[in-house]
PDB file of N, CA and C in Angstrom:
ATOM      1  N   MET A   1      -2.558 -30.656  16.978  1.00  0.00           N
ATOM      2  CA  MET A   1      -2.042 -29.398  16.442  1.00  0.00           C
ATOM      3  C   MET A   1      -0.559 -29.302  16.771  1.00  0.00           C
ATOM      4  N   PRO A   2       0.297 -29.209  15.745  1.00  0.00           N
ATOM      5  CA  PRO A   2       1.727 -29.037  16.021  1.00  0.00           C
ATOM      6  C   PRO A   2       2.002 -27.677  16.653  1.00  0.00           C
ATOM      7  N   GLN A   3       3.010 -27.631  17.514  1.00  0.00           N
ATOM      8  CA  GLN A   3       3.361 -26.383  18.183  1.00  0.00           C
ATOM      9  C   GLN A   3       3.987 -25.425  17.182  1.00  0.00           C
ATOM     10  N   VAL A   4       3.630 -24.152  17.274  1.00  0.00           N
ATOM     11  CA  VAL A   4       4.195 -23.138  16.387  1.00  0.00           C
ATOM     12  C   VAL A   4       5.087 -22.198  17.188  1.00  0.00           C
ATOM     13  N   CYS A   5       6.077 -21.651  16.522  1.00  0.00           N
ATOM     14  CA  CYS A   5       7.005 -20.702  17.124  1.00  0.00           C
ATOM     15  C   CYS A   5       7.075 -19.455  16.257  1.00  0.00           C
ATOM     16  N   ILE A   6       7.612 -18.407  16.828  1.00  0.00           N
ATOM     17  CA  ILE A   6       7.791 -17.161  16.089  1.00  0.00           C
ATOM     18  C   ILE A   6       8.662 -17.433  14.864  1.00  0.00           C
ATOM     19  N   GLY A   7       8.219 -16.935  13.728  1.00  0.00           N
ATOM     20  CA  GLY A   7       8.964 -17.100  12.483  1.00  0.00           C
ATOM     21  C   GLY A   7       8.473 -18.244  11.619  1.00  0.00           C
ATOM     22  N   ASP A   8       7.660 -19.148  12.178  1.00  0.00           N
ATOM     23  CA  ASP A   8       7.119 -20.248  11.384  1.00  0.00           C
ATOM     24  C   ASP A   8       6.161 -19.707  10.330  1.00  0.00           C
ATOM     25  N   LEU A   9       6.057 -20.428   9.221  1.00  0.00           N
ATOM     26  CA  LEU A   9       5.081 -20.105   8.199  1.00  0.00           C
ATOM     27  C   LEU A   9       3.921 -21.073   8.336  1.00  0.00           C
ATOM     28  N   VAL A  10       2.717 -20.547   8.349  1.00  0.00           N
ATOM     29  CA  VAL A  10       1.530 -21.391   8.452  1.00  0.00           C
ATOM     30  C   VAL A  10       0.646 -21.177   7.235  1.00  0.00           C
ATOM     31  N   ARG A  11      -0.041 -22.236   6.846  1.00  0.00           N
ATOM     32  CA  ARG A  11      -0.995 -22.169   5.741  1.00  0.00           C
ATOM     33  C   ARG A  11      -2.379 -22.305   6.357  1.00  0.00           C
ATOM     34  N   LEU A  12      -3.240 -21.328   6.106  1.00  0.00           N
ATOM     35  CA  LEU A  12      -4.599 -21.356   6.643  1.00  0.00           C
ATOM     36  C   LEU A  12      -5.541 -22.015   5.653  1.00  0.00           C
ATOM     37  N   LYS A  13      -6.675 -22.491   6.152  1.00  0.00           N
ATOM     38  CA  LYS A  13      -7.645 -23.201   5.317  1.00  0.00           C
ATOM     39  C   LYS A  13      -8.329 -22.276   4.313  1.00  0.00           C
ATOM     40  N   LYS A  14      -8.573 -21.027   4.717  1.00  0.00           N
ATOM     41  CA  LYS A  14      -9.274 -20.085   3.842  1.00  0.00           C
ATOM     42  C   LYS A  14      -8.288 -19.083   3.244  1.00  0.00           C
ATOM     43  N   VAL A  15      -8.545 -18.673   2.037  1.00  0.00           N
ATOM     44  CA  VAL A  15      -7.693 -17.715   1.353  1.00  0.00           C
ATOM     45  C   VAL A  15      -7.954 -16.302   1.891  1.00  0.00           C
ATOM     46  N   HIS A  16      -6.885 -15.516   1.995  1.00  0.00           N
ATOM     47  CA  HIS A  16      -6.993 -14.106   2.375  1.00  0.00           C
ATOM     48  C   HIS A  16      -7.503 -13.339   1.148  1.00  0.00           C
ATOM     49  N   PRO A  17      -8.197 -12.229   1.316  1.00  0.00           N
ATOM     50  CA  PRO A  17      -8.699 -11.472   0.156  1.00  0.00           C
ATOM     51  C   PRO A  17      -7.621 -11.089  -0.862  1.00  0.00           C
ATOM     52  N   CYS A  18      -6.373 -11.000  -0.449  1.00  0.00           N
ATOM     53  CA  CYS A  18      -5.298 -10.674  -1.391  1.00  0.00           C
ATOM     54  C   CYS A  18      -4.918 -11.874  -2.246  1.00  0.00           C
ATOM     55  N   GLY A  19      -5.385 -13.078  -1.872  1.00  0.00           N
ATOM     56  CA  GLY A  19      -5.118 -14.279  -2.649  1.00  0.00           C
ATOM     57  C   GLY A  19      -4.105 -15.223  -2.036  1.00  0.00           C
ATOM     58  N   SER A  20      -3.568 -14.907  -0.880  1.00  0.00           N
ATOM     59  CA  SER A  20      -2.539 -15.725  -0.244  1.00  0.00           C
ATOM     60  C   SER A  20      -3.118 -16.634   0.832  1.00  0.00           C
ATOM     61  N   TYR A  21      -2.501 -17.800   0.997  1.00  0.00           N
ATOM     62  CA  TYR A  21      -2.827 -18.708   2.088  1.00  0.00           C
ATOM     63  C   TYR A  21      -1.732 -18.693   3.149  1.00  0.00           C
ATOM     64  N   GLU A  22      -0.557 -18.139   2.829  1.00  0.00           N
ATOM     65  CA  GLU A  22       0.626 -18.216   3.676  1.00  0.00           C
ATOM     66  C   GLU A  22       0.713 -17.043   4.648  1.00  0.00           C
ATOM     67  N   TRP A  23       1.006 -17.355   5.921  1.00  0.00           N
ATOM     68  CA  TRP A  23       1.136 -16.349   6.973  1.00  0.00           C
ATOM     69  C   TRP A  23       2.385 -16.632   7.791  1.00  0.00           C
ATOM     70  N   LYS A  24       3.042 -15.598   8.299  1.00  0.00           N
ATOM     71  CA  LYS A  24       4.205 -15.731   9.163  1.00  0.00           C
ATOM     72  C   LYS A  24       3.772 -15.444  10.596  1.00  0.00           C
ATOM     73  N   VAL A  25       4.205 -16.288  11.539  1.00  0.00           N
ATOM     74  CA  VAL A  25       3.854 -16.130  12.949  1.00  0.00           C
ATOM     75  C   VAL A  25       4.754 -15.064  13.565  1.00  0.00           C
ATOM     76  N   LEU A  26       4.139 -14.023  14.144  1.00  0.00           N
ATOM     77  CA  LEU A  26       4.886 -12.925  14.760  1.00  0.00           C
ATOM     78  C   LEU A  26       4.915 -13.026  16.283  1.00  0.00           C
ATOM     79  N   ARG A  27       3.853 -13.570  16.888  1.00  0.00           N
ATOM     80  CA  ARG A  27       3.763 -13.646  18.342  1.00  0.00           C
ATOM     81  C   ARG A  27       2.902 -14.840  18.708  1.00  0.00           C
ATOM     82  N   VAL A  28       3.301 -15.543  19.761  1.00  0.00           N
ATOM     83  CA  VAL A  28       2.565 -16.717  20.217  1.00  0.00           C
ATOM     84  C   VAL A  28       2.292 -16.572  21.707  1.00  0.00           C
ATOM     85  N   GLY A  29       1.081 -16.838  22.100  1.00  0.00           N
ATOM     86  CA  GLY A  29       0.668 -16.771  23.501  1.00  0.00           C
ATOM     87  C   GLY A  29      -0.783 -17.208  23.561  1.00  0.00           C
ATOM     88  N   SER A  30      -1.590 -16.533  24.364  1.00  0.00           N
ATOM     89  CA  SER A  30      -3.019 -16.839  24.366  1.00  0.00           C
ATOM     90  C   SER A  30      -3.651 -16.359  23.068  1.00  0.00           C
ATOM     91  N   ASP A  31      -3.001 -15.390  22.427  1.00  0.00           N
ATOM     92  CA  ASP A  31      -3.353 -14.936  21.081  1.00  0.00           C
ATOM     93  C   ASP A  31      -2.184 -15.270  20.168  1.00  0.00           C
ATOM     94  N   VAL A  32      -2.468 -15.377  18.874  1.00  0.00           N
ATOM     95  CA  VAL A  32      -1.408 -15.610  17.893  1.00  0.00           C
ATOM     96  C   VAL A  32      -1.468 -14.468  16.890  1.00  0.00           C
ATOM     97  N   SER A  33      -0.355 -13.777  16.714  1.00  0.00           N
ATOM     98  CA  SER A  33      -0.263 -12.671  15.772  1.00  0.00           C
ATOM     99  C   SER A  33       0.358 -13.179  14.480  1.00  0.00           C
ATOM    100  N   LEU A  34      -0.284 -12.854  13.353  1.00  0.00           N
ATOM    101  CA  LEU A  34       0.153 -13.328  12.047  1.00  0.00           C
ATOM    102  C   LEU A  34       0.337 -12.164  11.082  1.00  0.00           C
ATOM    103  N   LYS A  35       1.228 -12.355  10.103  1.00  0.00           N
ATOM    104  CA  LYS A  35       1.436 -11.373   9.046  1.00  0.00           C
ATOM    105  C   LYS A  35       1.308 -12.075   7.704  1.00  0.00           C
ATOM    106  N   CYS A  36       0.475 -11.550   6.817  1.00  0.00           N
ATOM    107  CA  CYS A  36       0.278 -12.123   5.490  1.00  0.00           C
ATOM    108  C   CYS A  36       1.576 -12.007   4.701  1.00  0.00           C
ATOM    109  N   CYS A  37       1.990 -13.090   4.081  1.00  0.00           N
ATOM    110  CA  CYS A  37       3.244 -13.100   3.330  1.00  0.00           C
ATOM    111  C   CYS A  37       3.136 -12.353   2.004  1.00  0.00           C
ATOM    112  N   GLN A  38       1.930 -12.096   1.519  1.00  0.00           N
ATOM    113  CA  GLN A  38       1.769 -11.410   0.242  1.00  0.00           C
ATOM    114  C   GLN A  38       1.541  -9.911   0.412  1.00  0.00           C
ATOM    115  N   CYS A  39       0.578  -9.517   1.244  1.00  0.00           N
ATOM    116  CA  CYS A  39       0.226  -8.100   1.335  1.00  0.00           C
ATOM    117  C   CYS A  39       0.736  -7.425   2.603  1.00  0.00           C
ATOM    118  N   GLY A  40       1.203  -8.206   3.595  1.00  0.00           N
ATOM    119  CA  GLY A  40       1.746  -7.629   4.815  1.00  0.00           C
ATOM    120  C   GLY A  40       0.723  -7.286   5.877  1.00  0.00           C
ATOM    121  N   ARG A  41      -0.529  -7.612   5.654  1.00  0.00           N
ATOM    122  CA  ARG A  41      -1.582  -7.354   6.637  1.00  0.00           C
ATOM    123  C   ARG A  41      -1.314  -8.139   7.910  1.00  0.00           C
ATOM    124  N   ARG A  42      -1.527  -7.518   9.070  1.00  0.00           N
ATOM    125  CA  ARG A  42      -1.321  -8.184  10.356  1.00  0.00           C
ATOM    126  C   ARG A  42      -2.662  -8.430  11.015  1.00  0.00           C
ATOM    127  N   VAL A  43      -2.820  -9.636  11.570  1.00  0.00           N
ATOM    128  CA  VAL A  43      -4.038  -9.991  12.289  1.00  0.00           C
ATOM    129  C   VAL A  43      -3.660 -10.685  13.592  1.00  0.00           C
ATOM    130  N   VAL A  44      -4.570 -10.632  14.558  1.00  0.00           N
ATOM    131  CA  VAL A  44      -4.396 -11.332  15.838  1.00  0.00           C
ATOM    132  C   VAL A  44      -5.597 -12.251  16.002  1.00  0.00           C
ATOM    133  N   LEU A  45      -5.324 -13.551  16.195  1.00  0.00           N
ATOM    134  CA  LEU A  45      -6.374 -14.541  16.394  1.00  0.00           C
ATOM    135  C   LEU A  45      -6.238 -15.146  17.786  1.00  0.00           C
ATOM    136  N   GLU A  46      -7.373 -15.438  18.415  1.00  0.00           N
ATOM    137  CA  GLU A  46      -7.337 -16.182  19.665  1.00  0.00           C
ATOM    138  C   GLU A  46      -6.781 -17.569  19.366  1.00  0.00           C
ATOM    139  N   ARG A  47      -6.145 -18.191  20.353  1.00  0.00           N
ATOM    140  CA  ARG A  47      -5.478 -19.481  20.155  1.00  0.00           C
ATOM    141  C   ARG A  47      -6.424 -20.534  19.575  1.00  0.00           C
ATOM    142  N   GLY A  48      -7.638 -20.645  20.122  1.00  0.00           N
ATOM    143  CA  GLY A  48      -8.600 -21.635  19.630  1.00  0.00           C
ATOM    144  C   GLY A  48      -8.986 -21.401  18.183  1.00  0.00           C
ATOM    145  N   GLU A  49      -9.226 -20.161  17.829  1.00  0.00           N
ATOM    146  CA  GLU A  49      -9.576 -19.807  16.454  1.00  0.00           C
ATOM    147  C   GLU A  49      -8.417 -20.121  15.510  1.00  0.00           C
ATOM    148  N   PHE A  50      -7.199 -19.784  15.932  1.00  0.00           N
ATOM    149  CA  PHE A  50      -6.011 -20.067  15.134  1.00  0.00           C
ATOM    150  C   PHE A  50      -5.882 -21.570  14.869  1.00  0.00           C
ATOM    151  N   GLU A  51      -6.045 -22.390  15.914  1.00  0.00           N
ATOM    152  CA  GLU A  51      -5.904 -23.836  15.765  1.00  0.00           C
ATOM    153  C   GLU A  51      -6.950 -24.428  14.836  1.00  0.00           C
ATOM    154  N   ARG A  52      -8.151 -23.862  14.809  1.00  0.00           N
ATOM    155  CA  ARG A  52      -9.188 -24.329  13.885  1.00  0.00           C
ATOM    156  C   ARG A  52      -8.868 -23.955  12.443  1.00  0.00           C
ATOM    157  N   ARG A  53      -8.238 -22.818  12.228  1.00  0.00           N
ATOM    158  CA  ARG A  53      -7.995 -22.312  10.872  1.00  0.00           C
ATOM    159  C   ARG A  53      -6.731 -22.855  10.197  1.00  0.00           C
ATOM    160  N   VAL A  54      -5.786 -23.375  10.983  1.00  0.00           N
ATOM    161  CA  VAL A  54      -4.505 -23.813  10.417  1.00  0.00           C
ATOM    162  C   VAL A  54      -4.673 -25.105   9.630  1.00  0.00           C
ATOM    163  N   ALA A  55      -4.112 -25.124   8.417  1.00  0.00           N
ATOM    164  CA  ALA A  55      -4.090 -26.326   7.599  1.00  0.00           C
ATOM    165  C   ALA A  55      -2.753 -27.038   7.736  1.00  0.00           C
ATOM    166  N   SER A  56      -1.632 -26.280   7.753  1.00  0.00           N
ATOM    167  CA  SER A  56      -0.312 -26.882   7.895  1.00  0.00           C
ATOM    168  C   SER A  56       0.679 -25.860   8.439  1.00  0.00           C
ATOM    169  N   VAL A  57       1.797 -26.373   8.971  1.00  0.00           N
ATOM    170  CA  VAL A  57       2.851 -25.523   9.529  1.00  0.00           C
ATOM    171  C   VAL A  57       4.155 -25.866   8.837  1.00  0.00           C
ATOM    172  N   ALA A  58       4.840 -24.850   8.306  1.00  0.00           N
ATOM    173  CA  ALA A  58       6.160 -25.016   7.708  1.00  0.00           C
ATOM    174  C   ALA A  58       7.168 -24.408   8.662  1.00  0.00           C
ATOM    175  N   ARG A  59       8.193 -25.157   9.005  1.00  0.00           N
ATOM    176  CA  ARG A  59       9.198 -24.668   9.942  1.00  0.00           C
ATOM    177  C   ARG A  59      10.074 -23.617   9.299  1.00  0.00           C
ATOM    178  N   GLY A  60      10.005 -22.422   9.844  1.00  0.00           N
ATOM    179  CA  GLY A  60      10.864 -21.341   9.386  1.00  0.00           C
ATOM    180  C   GLY A  60      11.316 -20.531  10.568  1.00  0.00           C
ATOM    181  N   GLY A  61      11.114 -21.117  11.744  1.00  0.00           N
ATOM    182  CA  GLY A  61      11.372 -20.407  12.997  1.00  0.00           C
ATOM    183  C   GLY A  61      12.822 -20.158  13.297  1.00  0.00           C
ATOM    184  N   ASN A  62      13.048 -19.535  14.417  1.00  0.00           N
ATOM    185  CA  ASN A  62      14.390 -19.149  14.817  1.00  0.00           C
ATOM    186  C   ASN A  62      15.090 -20.226  15.632  1.00  0.00           C
ATOM    187  N   GLY A  63      14.534 -21.425  15.683  1.00  0.00           N
ATOM    188  CA  GLY A  63      15.182 -22.528  16.367  1.00  0.00           C
ATOM    189  C   GLY A  63      14.961 -22.559  17.869  1.00  0.00           C
ATOM    190  N   SER A  64      14.029 -21.774  18.384  1.00  0.00           N
ATOM    191  CA  SER A  64      13.801 -21.723  19.829  1.00  0.00           C
ATOM    192  C   SER A  64      12.758 -22.744  20.287  1.00  0.00           C
ATOM    193  N   ARG A  65      12.487 -23.724  19.474  1.00  0.00           N
ATOM    194  CA  ARG A  65      11.485 -24.744  19.791  1.00  0.00           C
ATOM    195  C   ARG A  65      12.012 -25.652  20.901  1.00  0.00           C
ATOM    196  N   LYS A  66      11.135 -26.028  21.846  1.00  0.00           N
ATOM    197  CA  LYS A  66      11.546 -26.889  22.966  1.00  0.00           C
ATOM    198  C   LYS A  66      10.820 -28.199  22.941  1.00  0.00           C
TER     199      LYS A  66
END
């Protein structure tokens, strides 16, 4: 699993009810907070659940990657 940072765009395996697969990472820690790029819905996933659901990561972060 590639490391994600705040601001990255992630594509999840399952479609959101609004029809979007794209999510923006808002917070990273033991939980990961995401915002739907289409409807703006915010969700919080546990780290393990997030890692299972991610299909790909697009770099859009603020450059704070280490």
